[in-house]
All heavy atoms as atom14 arrays in JSON, in Angstrom:
{
  "sequence": "PRPLPRLELDAGVPSELRTLVVVPTLLTSEAGIEAQVGQLEVH",
  "atom14_mask": [
    [1, 1, 1, 1, 1, 1, 1, 0, 0, 0, 0, 0, 0, 0],
    [1, 1, 1, 1, 1, 1, 1, 1, 1, 1, 1, 0, 0, 0],
    [1, 1, 1, 1, 1, 1, 1, 0, 0, 0, 0, 0, 0, 0],
    [1, 1, 1, 1, 1, 1, 1, 1, 0, 0, 0, 0, 0, 0],
    [1, 1, 1, 1, 1, 1, 1, 0, 0, 0, 0, 0, 0, 0],
    [1, 1, 1, 1, 1, 1, 1, 1, 1, 1, 1, 0, 0, 0],
    [1, 1, 1, 1, 1, 1, 1, 1, 0, 0, 0, 0, 0, 0],
    [1, 1, 1, 1, 1, 1, 1, 1, 1, 0, 0, 0, 0, 0],
    [1, 1, 1, 1, 1, 1, 1, 1, 0, 0, 0, 0, 0, 0],
    [1, 1, 1, 1, 1, 1, 1, 1, 0, 0, 0, 0, 0, 0],
    [1, 1, 1, 1, 1, 0, 0, 0, 0, 0, 0, 0, 0, 0],
    [1, 1, 1, 1, 0, 0, 0, 0, 0, 0, 0, 0, 0, 0],
    [1, 1, 1, 1, 1, 1, 1, 0, 0, 0, 0, 0, 0, 0],
    [1, 1, 1, 1, 1, 1, 1, 0, 0, 0, 0, 0, 0, 0],
    [1, 1, 1, 1, 1, 1, 0, 0, 0, 0, 0, 0, 0, 0],
    [1, 1, 1, 1, 1, 1, 1, 1, 1, 0, 0, 0, 0, 0],
    [1, 1, 1, 1, 1, 1, 1, 1, 0, 0, 0, 0, 0, 0],
    [1, 1, 1, 1, 1, 1, 1, 1, 1, 1, 1, 0, 0, 0],
    [1, 1, 1, 1, 1, 1, 1, 0, 0, 0, 0, 0, 0, 0],
    [1, 1, 1, 1, 1, 1, 1, 1, 0, 0, 0, 0, 0, 0],
    [1, 1, 1, 1, 1, 1, 1, 0, 0, 0, 0, 0, 0, 0],
    [1, 1, 1, 1, 1, 1, 1, 0, 0, 0, 0, 0, 0, 0],
    [1, 1, 1, 1, 1, 1, 1, 0, 0, 0, 0, 0, 0, 0],
    [1, 1, 1, 1, 1, 1, 1, 0, 0, 0, 0, 0, 0, 0],
    [1, 1, 1, 1, 1, 1, 1, 0, 0, 0, 0, 0, 0, 0],
    [1, 1, 1, 1, 1, 1, 1, 1, 0, 0, 0, 0, 0, 0],
    [1, 1, 1, 1, 1, 1, 1, 1, 0, 0, 0, 0, 0, 0],
    [1, 1, 1, 1, 1, 1, 1, 0, 0, 0, 0, 0, 0, 0],
    [1, 1, 1, 1, 1, 1, 0, 0, 0, 0, 0, 0, 0, 0],
    [1, 1, 1, 1, 1, 1, 1, 1, 1, 0, 0, 0, 0, 0],
    [1, 1, 1, 1, 1, 0, 0, 0, 0, 0, 0, 0, 0, 0],
    [1, 1, 1, 1, 0, 0, 0, 0, 0, 0, 0, 0, 0, 0],
    [1, 1, 1, 1, 1, 1, 1, 1, 0, 0, 0, 0, 0, 0],
    [1, 1, 1, 1, 1, 1, 1, 1, 1, 0, 0, 0, 0, 0],
    [1, 1, 1, 1, 1, 0, 0, 0, 0, 0, 0, 0, 0, 0],
    [1, 1, 1, 1, 1, 1, 1, 1, 1, 0, 0, 0, 0, 0],
    [1, 1, 1, 1, 1, 1, 1, 0, 0, 0, 0, 0, 0, 0],
    [1, 1, 1, 1, 0, 0, 0, 0, 0, 0, 0, 0, 0, 0],
    [1, 1, 1, 1, 1, 1, 1, 1, 1, 0, 0, 0, 0, 0],
    [1, 1, 1, 1, 1, 1, 1, 1, 0, 0, 0, 0, 0, 0],
    [1, 1, 1, 1, 1, 1, 1, 1, 1, 0, 0, 0, 0, 0],
    [1, 1, 1, 1, 1, 1, 1, 0, 0, 0, 0, 0, 0, 0],
    [1, 1, 1, 1, 1, 1, 1, 1, 1, 1, 0, 0, 0, 0]
  ],
  "atom14_positions": [
    [[83.99, 97.77, 94.63], [84.83, 96.79, 95.31], [84.72, 95.41, 94.67], [83.66, 95.03, 94.17], [84.29, 96.78, 96.73], [82.87, 97.21, 96.59], [82.84, 98.17, 95.42], [0.0, 0.0, 0.0], [0.0, 0.0, 0.0], [0.0, 0.0, 0.0], [0.0, 0.0, 0.0], [0.0, 0.0, 0.0], [0.0, 0.0, 0.0], [0.0, 0.0, 0.0]],
    [[85.83, 94.7, 94.68], [85.86, 93.32, 94.18], [86.64, 92.47, 95.18], [87.64, 92.93, 95.73], [86.59, 93.25, 92.84], [85.85, 93.92, 91.73], [86.54, 93.66, 90.41], [86.28, 94.81, 89.56], [87.15, 95.36, 88.75], [88.35, 94.88, 88.65], [86.82, 96.39, 88.02], [0.0, 0.0, 0.0], [0.0, 0.0, 0.0], [0.0, 0.0, 0.0]],
    [[86.21, 91.24, 95.41], [86.99, 90.38, 96.32], [88.33, 90.01, 95.69], [88.43, 89.79, 94.48], [86.11, 89.15, 96.5], [85.16, 89.16, 95.36], [85.0, 90.59, 94.92], [0.0, 0.0, 0.0], [0.0, 0.0, 0.0], [0.0, 0.0, 0.0], [0.0, 0.0, 0.0], [0.0, 0.0, 0.0], [0.0, 0.0, 0.0], [0.0, 0.0, 0.0]],
    [[89.34, 89.97, 96.53], [90.67, 89.6, 96.06], [90.81, 88.09, 96.04], [90.25, 87.39, 96.89], [91.74, 90.2, 96.99], [91.81, 91.72, 97.0], [92.8, 92.18, 98.07], [92.21, 92.26, 95.65], [0.0, 0.0, 0.0], [0.0, 0.0, 0.0], [0.0, 0.0, 0.0], [0.0, 0.0, 0.0], [0.0, 0.0, 0.0], [0.0, 0.0, 0.0]],
    [[91.58, 87.56, 95.09], [91.79, 86.11, 95.07], [92.61, 85.67, 96.28], [93.46, 86.41, 96.76], [92.55, 85.87, 93.77], [93.16, 87.17, 93.43], [92.27, 88.23, 94.0], [0.0, 0.0, 0.0], [0.0, 0.0, 0.0], [0.0, 0.0, 0.0], [0.0, 0.0, 0.0], [0.0, 0.0, 0.0], [0.0, 0.0, 0.0], [0.0, 0.0, 0.0]],
    [[92.33, 84.49, 96.77], [93.06, 83.96, 97.92], [93.88, 82.77, 97.49], [93.57, 82.1, 96.51], [92.08, 83.54, 99.01], [91.29, 84.75, 99.54], [90.51, 84.36, 100.73], [91.44, 83.85, 101.74], [91.15, 83.76, 103.01], [89.98, 84.12, 103.42], [92.02, 83.29, 103.86], [0.0, 0.0, 0.0], [0.0, 0.0, 0.0], [0.0, 0.0, 0.0]],
    [[94.91, 82.49, 98.25], [95.76, 81.33, 97.99], [95.38, 80.2, 98.94], [95.09, 80.43, 100.11], [97.23, 81.69, 98.21], [97.83, 82.72, 97.27], [99.24, 83.06, 97.72], [97.86, 82.19, 95.85], [0.0, 0.0, 0.0], [0.0, 0.0, 0.0], [0.0, 0.0, 0.0], [0.0, 0.0, 0.0], [0.0, 0.0, 0.0], [0.0, 0.0, 0.0]],
    [[95.4, 78.99, 98.43], [95.19, 77.81, 99.27], [96.57, 77.39, 99.78], [97.37, 76.84, 99.05], [94.54, 76.68, 98.48], [93.09, 76.89, 98.18], [92.23, 76.79, 99.44], [92.6, 76.05, 100.38], [91.2, 77.47, 99.47], [0.0, 0.0, 0.0], [0.0, 0.0, 0.0], [0.0, 0.0, 0.0], [0.0, 0.0, 0.0], [0.0, 0.0, 0.0]],
    [[96.84, 77.66, 101.03], [98.15, 77.35, 101.61], [97.99, 76.37, 102.78], [98.65, 76.51, 103.81], [98.85, 78.63, 102.06], [99.12, 79.66, 100.96], [99.71, 80.93, 101.55], [100.04, 79.1, 99.91], [0.0, 0.0, 0.0], [0.0, 0.0, 0.0], [0.0, 0.0, 0.0], [0.0, 0.0, 0.0], [0.0, 0.0, 0.0], [0.0, 0.0, 0.0]],
    [[97.11, 75.39, 102.61], [96.89, 74.41, 103.68], [98.14, 73.59, 103.98], [98.39, 73.19, 105.11], [95.74, 73.47, 103.31], [94.41, 74.21, 103.25], [94.29, 75.25, 103.93], [93.51, 73.74, 102.52], [0.0, 0.0, 0.0], [0.0, 0.0, 0.0], [0.0, 0.0, 0.0], [0.0, 0.0, 0.0], [0.0, 0.0, 0.0], [0.0, 0.0, 0.0]],
    [[98.96, 73.35, 102.96], [100.18, 72.55, 103.14], [101.37, 73.42, 103.52], [102.5, 72.95, 103.54], [100.49, 71.78, 101.85], [0.0, 0.0, 0.0], [0.0, 0.0, 0.0], [0.0, 0.0, 0.0], [0.0, 0.0, 0.0], [0.0, 0.0, 0.0], [0.0, 0.0, 0.0], [0.0, 0.0, 0.0], [0.0, 0.0, 0.0], [0.0, 0.0, 0.0]],
    [[101.14, 74.69, 103.81], [102.23, 75.59, 104.15], [102.58, 76.5, 102.98], [102.07, 76.35, 101.87], [0.0, 0.0, 0.0], [0.0, 0.0, 0.0], [0.0, 0.0, 0.0], [0.0, 0.0, 0.0], [0.0, 0.0, 0.0], [0.0, 0.0, 0.0], [0.0, 0.0, 0.0], [0.0, 0.0, 0.0], [0.0, 0.0, 0.0], [0.0, 0.0, 0.0]],
    [[103.45, 77.46, 103.22], [103.85, 78.42, 102.2], [105.01, 77.84, 101.41], [106.04, 77.49, 101.98], [104.27, 79.76, 102.84], [104.7, 80.75, 101.78], [103.14, 80.34, 103.67], [0.0, 0.0, 0.0], [0.0, 0.0, 0.0], [0.0, 0.0, 0.0], [0.0, 0.0, 0.0], [0.0, 0.0, 0.0], [0.0, 0.0, 0.0], [0.0, 0.0, 0.0]],
    [[104.87, 77.72, 100.07], [105.98, 77.22, 99.25], [107.18, 78.18, 99.32], [107.01, 79.38, 99.55], [105.42, 77.16, 97.83], [103.96, 77.39, 97.94], [103.68, 77.98, 99.26], [0.0, 0.0, 0.0], [0.0, 0.0, 0.0], [0.0, 0.0, 0.0], [0.0, 0.0, 0.0], [0.0, 0.0, 0.0], [0.0, 0.0, 0.0], [0.0, 0.0, 0.0]],
    [[108.37, 77.65, 99.11], [109.58, 78.47, 99.25], [109.6, 79.64, 98.27], [110.13, 80.7, 98.59], [110.82, 77.61, 99.07], [110.83, 77.03, 97.78], [0.0, 0.0, 0.0], [0.0, 0.0, 0.0], [0.0, 0.0, 0.0], [0.0, 0.0, 0.0], [0.0, 0.0, 0.0], [0.0, 0.0, 0.0], [0.0, 0.0, 0.0], [0.0, 0.0, 0.0]],
    [[109.0, 79.51, 97.08], [109.03, 80.61, 96.11], [108.07, 81.74, 96.49], [108.14, 82.83, 95.94], [108.73, 80.12, 94.7], [107.34, 79.53, 94.5], [107.3, 78.04, 94.72], [108.29, 77.44, 95.17], [106.23, 77.47, 94.45], [0.0, 0.0, 0.0], [0.0, 0.0, 0.0], [0.0, 0.0, 0.0], [0.0, 0.0, 0.0], [0.0, 0.0, 0.0]],
    [[107.18, 81.52, 97.46], [106.24, 82.55, 97.9], [106.62, 83.17, 99.25], [105.93, 84.06, 99.73], [104.82, 81.98, 97.99], [104.18, 81.52, 96.69], [102.79, 80.95, 96.95], [104.12, 82.64, 95.68], [0.0, 0.0, 0.0], [0.0, 0.0, 0.0], [0.0, 0.0, 0.0], [0.0, 0.0, 0.0], [0.0, 0.0, 0.0], [0.0, 0.0, 0.0]],
    [[107.68, 82.71, 99.85], [108.06, 83.23, 101.17], [108.68, 84.62, 101.05], [109.36, 84.93, 100.09], [109.04, 82.28, 101.85], [108.36, 81.0, 102.22], [109.26, 80.09, 102.98], [108.54, 78.84, 103.2], [108.63, 78.14, 104.28], [109.43, 78.49, 105.23], [107.92, 77.03, 104.4], [0.0, 0.0, 0.0], [0.0, 0.0, 0.0], [0.0, 0.0, 0.0]],
    [[108.39, 85.44, 102.04], [108.95, 86.79, 102.1], [109.46, 87.07, 103.5], [109.16, 86.34, 104.45], [107.89, 87.85, 101.75], [106.81, 87.74, 102.68], [107.37, 87.69, 100.34], [0.0, 0.0, 0.0], [0.0, 0.0, 0.0], [0.0, 0.0, 0.0], [0.0, 0.0, 0.0], [0.0, 0.0, 0.0], [0.0, 0.0, 0.0], [0.0, 0.0, 0.0]],
    [[110.19, 88.14, 103.6], [110.7, 88.59, 104.89], [110.06, 89.93, 105.19], [110.11, 90.84, 104.37], [112.22, 88.72, 104.85], [112.9, 89.24, 106.1], [112.79, 88.22, 107.22], [114.36, 89.52, 105.82], [0.0, 0.0, 0.0], [0.0, 0.0, 0.0], [0.0, 0.0, 0.0], [0.0, 0.0, 0.0], [0.0, 0.0, 0.0], [0.0, 0.0, 0.0]],
    [[109.45, 90.06, 106.35], [108.83, 91.32, 106.75], [109.75, 91.99, 107.75], [110.15, 91.4, 108.75], [107.44, 91.07, 107.38], [106.83, 92.38, 107.88], [106.53, 90.38, 106.39], [0.0, 0.0, 0.0], [0.0, 0.0, 0.0], [0.0, 0.0, 0.0], [0.0, 0.0, 0.0], [0.0, 0.0, 0.0], [0.0, 0.0, 0.0], [0.0, 0.0, 0.0]],
    [[110.1, 93.24, 107.46], [110.99, 94.01, 108.33], [110.18, 95.07, 109.05], [109.44, 95.82, 108.42], [112.12, 94.66, 107.5], [113.02, 95.49, 108.39], [112.91, 93.6, 106.75], [0.0, 0.0, 0.0], [0.0, 0.0, 0.0], [0.0, 0.0, 0.0], [0.0, 0.0, 0.0], [0.0, 0.0, 0.0], [0.0, 0.0, 0.0], [0.0, 0.0, 0.0]],
    [[110.31, 95.12, 110.37], [109.62, 96.13, 111.17], [110.69, 97.01, 111.82], [111.39, 96.57, 112.73], [108.75, 95.46, 112.26], [108.05, 96.52, 113.1], [107.75, 94.51, 111.64], [0.0, 0.0, 0.0], [0.0, 0.0, 0.0], [0.0, 0.0, 0.0], [0.0, 0.0, 0.0], [0.0, 0.0, 0.0], [0.0, 0.0, 0.0], [0.0, 0.0, 0.0]],
    [[110.85, 98.24, 111.33], [111.85, 99.12, 111.95], [111.43, 99.49, 113.38], [110.28, 99.85, 113.62], [111.86, 100.36, 111.05], [110.67, 100.27, 110.19], [110.16, 98.87, 110.23], [0.0, 0.0, 0.0], [0.0, 0.0, 0.0], [0.0, 0.0, 0.0], [0.0, 0.0, 0.0], [0.0, 0.0, 0.0], [0.0, 0.0, 0.0], [0.0, 0.0, 0.0]],
    [[112.35, 99.33, 114.29], [112.05, 99.54, 115.71], [113.25, 100.18, 116.39], [114.39, 99.82, 116.11], [111.75, 98.19, 116.39], [110.7, 97.55, 115.68], [111.33, 98.36, 117.82], [0.0, 0.0, 0.0], [0.0, 0.0, 0.0], [0.0, 0.0, 0.0], [0.0, 0.0, 0.0], [0.0, 0.0, 0.0], [0.0, 0.0, 0.0], [0.0, 0.0, 0.0]],
    [[112.98, 101.09, 117.3], [114.02, 101.64, 118.16], [114.03, 100.84, 119.46], [113.03, 100.77, 120.16], [113.76, 103.11, 118.45], [113.92, 104.06, 117.28], [113.52, 105.47, 117.71], [115.34, 104.07, 116.79], [0.0, 0.0, 0.0], [0.0, 0.0, 0.0], [0.0, 0.0, 0.0], [0.0, 0.0, 0.0], [0.0, 0.0, 0.0], [0.0, 0.0, 0.0]],
    [[115.16, 100.24, 119.75], [115.3, 99.44, 120.97], [115.89, 100.35, 122.05], [117.09, 100.43, 122.24], [116.19, 98.23, 120.71], [115.73, 97.33, 119.55], [116.73, 96.23, 119.31], [114.36, 96.77, 119.84], [0.0, 0.0, 0.0], [0.0, 0.0, 0.0], [0.0, 0.0, 0.0], [0.0, 0.0, 0.0], [0.0, 0.0, 0.0], [0.0, 0.0, 0.0]],
    [[115.01, 101.04, 122.77], [115.47, 102.03, 123.73], [115.47, 101.54, 125.17], [116.21, 102.05, 125.99], [114.59, 103.29, 123.64], [113.23, 102.91, 123.85], [114.72, 103.94, 122.27], [0.0, 0.0, 0.0], [0.0, 0.0, 0.0], [0.0, 0.0, 0.0], [0.0, 0.0, 0.0], [0.0, 0.0, 0.0], [0.0, 0.0, 0.0], [0.0, 0.0, 0.0]],
    [[114.61, 100.57, 125.47], [114.57, 100.07, 126.84], [114.14, 98.6, 126.82], [113.6, 98.12, 125.83], [113.57, 100.88, 127.68], [112.25, 100.67, 127.22], [0.0, 0.0, 0.0], [0.0, 0.0, 0.0], [0.0, 0.0, 0.0], [0.0, 0.0, 0.0], [0.0, 0.0, 0.0], [0.0, 0.0, 0.0], [0.0, 0.0, 0.0], [0.0, 0.0, 0.0]],
    [[114.37, 97.93, 127.91], [114.0, 96.53, 128.0], [112.48, 96.36, 127.95], [111.96, 95.44, 127.31], [114.56, 95.91, 129.29], [114.44, 94.42, 129.32], [115.16, 93.82, 130.52], [116.18, 94.38, 130.95], [114.68, 92.78, 131.01], [0.0, 0.0, 0.0], [0.0, 0.0, 0.0], [0.0, 0.0, 0.0], [0.0, 0.0, 0.0], [0.0, 0.0, 0.0]],
    [[111.76, 97.27, 128.59], [110.3, 97.2, 128.56], [109.78, 97.42, 127.13], [108.83, 96.77, 126.7], [109.71, 98.24, 129.5], [0.0, 0.0, 0.0], [0.0, 0.0, 0.0], [0.0, 0.0, 0.0], [0.0, 0.0, 0.0], [0.0, 0.0, 0.0], [0.0, 0.0, 0.0], [0.0, 0.0, 0.0], [0.0, 0.0, 0.0], [0.0, 0.0, 0.0]],
    [[110.41, 98.34, 126.4], [110.02, 98.58, 125.02], [110.26, 97.37, 124.13], [109.45, 97.06, 123.24], [0.0, 0.0, 0.0], [0.0, 0.0, 0.0], [0.0, 0.0, 0.0], [0.0, 0.0, 0.0], [0.0, 0.0, 0.0], [0.0, 0.0, 0.0], [0.0, 0.0, 0.0], [0.0, 0.0, 0.0], [0.0, 0.0, 0.0], [0.0, 0.0, 0.0]],
    [[111.37, 96.69, 124.37], [111.69, 95.48, 123.6], [110.66, 94.39, 123.88], [110.16, 93.74, 122.97], [113.11, 94.98, 123.92], [114.15, 96.0, 123.44], [113.37, 93.62, 123.3], [115.55, 95.72, 123.92], [0.0, 0.0, 0.0], [0.0, 0.0, 0.0], [0.0, 0.0, 0.0], [0.0, 0.0, 0.0], [0.0, 0.0, 0.0], [0.0, 0.0, 0.0]],
    [[110.32, 94.19, 125.16], [109.33, 93.19, 125.51], [107.97, 93.51, 124.9], [107.27, 92.61, 124.42], [109.22, 93.07, 127.03], [110.43, 92.41, 127.66], [110.34, 92.36, 129.18], [109.24, 92.63, 129.73], [111.36, 92.05, 129.8], [0.0, 0.0, 0.0], [0.0, 0.0, 0.0], [0.0, 0.0, 0.0], [0.0, 0.0, 0.0], [0.0, 0.0, 0.0]],
    [[107.59, 94.79, 124.88], [106.32, 95.19, 124.28], [106.33, 94.92, 122.77], [105.34, 94.45, 122.21], [106.04, 96.66, 124.55], [0.0, 0.0, 0.0], [0.0, 0.0, 0.0], [0.0, 0.0, 0.0], [0.0, 0.0, 0.0], [0.0, 0.0, 0.0], [0.0, 0.0, 0.0], [0.0, 0.0, 0.0], [0.0, 0.0, 0.0], [0.0, 0.0, 0.0]],
    [[107.46, 95.22, 122.13], [107.56, 94.99, 120.68], [107.5, 93.5, 120.35], [106.85, 93.1, 119.39], [108.85, 95.6, 120.14], [108.96, 95.59, 118.64], [107.9, 96.44, 117.98], [107.51, 97.47, 118.49], [107.43, 96.01, 116.83], [0.0, 0.0, 0.0], [0.0, 0.0, 0.0], [0.0, 0.0, 0.0], [0.0, 0.0, 0.0], [0.0, 0.0, 0.0]],
    [[108.18, 92.67, 121.13], [108.14, 91.22, 120.91], [106.71, 90.71, 121.11], [106.23, 89.86, 120.36], [109.14, 90.49, 121.83], [108.92, 89.0, 121.81], [110.57, 90.83, 121.42], [0.0, 0.0, 0.0], [0.0, 0.0, 0.0], [0.0, 0.0, 0.0], [0.0, 0.0, 0.0], [0.0, 0.0, 0.0], [0.0, 0.0, 0.0], [0.0, 0.0, 0.0]],
    [[106.02, 91.23, 122.11], [104.62, 90.85, 122.33], [103.75, 91.22, 121.15], [102.89, 90.44, 120.72], [0.0, 0.0, 0.0], [0.0, 0.0, 0.0], [0.0, 0.0, 0.0], [0.0, 0.0, 0.0], [0.0, 0.0, 0.0], [0.0, 0.0, 0.0], [0.0, 0.0, 0.0], [0.0, 0.0, 0.0], [0.0, 0.0, 0.0], [0.0, 0.0, 0.0]],
    [[103.95, 92.4, 120.57], [103.19, 92.82, 119.39], [103.49, 91.92, 118.2], [102.59, 91.55, 117.45], [103.52, 94.26, 119.04], [102.74, 95.28, 119.84], [101.25, 95.15, 119.6], [100.54, 94.67, 120.47], [100.77, 95.54, 118.45], [0.0, 0.0, 0.0], [0.0, 0.0, 0.0], [0.0, 0.0, 0.0], [0.0, 0.0, 0.0], [0.0, 0.0, 0.0]],
    [[104.77, 91.56, 118.02], [105.12, 90.66, 116.92], [104.44, 89.31, 117.07], [103.98, 88.72, 116.1], [106.64, 90.49, 116.84], [107.43, 91.68, 116.31], [108.92, 91.42, 116.47], [107.09, 91.93, 114.86], [0.0, 0.0, 0.0], [0.0, 0.0, 0.0], [0.0, 0.0, 0.0], [0.0, 0.0, 0.0], [0.0, 0.0, 0.0], [0.0, 0.0, 0.0]],
    [[104.37, 88.82, 118.31], [103.71, 87.53, 118.56], [102.22, 87.62, 118.24], [101.65, 86.72, 117.64], [103.93, 87.11, 120.01], [103.35, 85.75, 120.32], [103.6, 85.33, 121.76], [104.07, 86.15, 122.56], [103.3, 84.17, 122.06], [0.0, 0.0, 0.0], [0.0, 0.0, 0.0], [0.0, 0.0, 0.0], [0.0, 0.0, 0.0], [0.0, 0.0, 0.0]],
    [[101.59, 88.73, 118.63], [100.17, 88.92, 118.35], [99.93, 88.95, 116.84], [99.01, 88.31, 116.32], [99.65, 90.22, 119.01], [98.27, 90.59, 118.49], [99.62, 90.06, 120.51], [0.0, 0.0, 0.0], [0.0, 0.0, 0.0], [0.0, 0.0, 0.0], [0.0, 0.0, 0.0], [0.0, 0.0, 0.0], [0.0, 0.0, 0.0], [0.0, 0.0, 0.0]],
    [[100.79, 89.66, 116.1], [100.64, 89.72, 114.63], [100.85, 88.34, 114.01], [100.15, 87.96, 113.08], [101.63, 90.73, 114.03], [101.28, 92.14, 114.31], [100.1, 92.71, 113.87], [101.94, 93.12, 114.98], [100.06, 93.98, 114.27], [101.16, 94.24, 114.94], [0.0, 0.0, 0.0], [0.0, 0.0, 0.0], [0.0, 0.0, 0.0], [0.0, 0.0, 0.0]]
  ]
}
């Protein structure tokens, strides 16, 4: 094992390093949507 290099992002993420994370989800019920939004907030 080797430690991975880290980025110093104290001033925020520069625009050239920004990404979009897509989480595929089935929106089947209102309770399921609320649970998924809660999980996204925790992440």
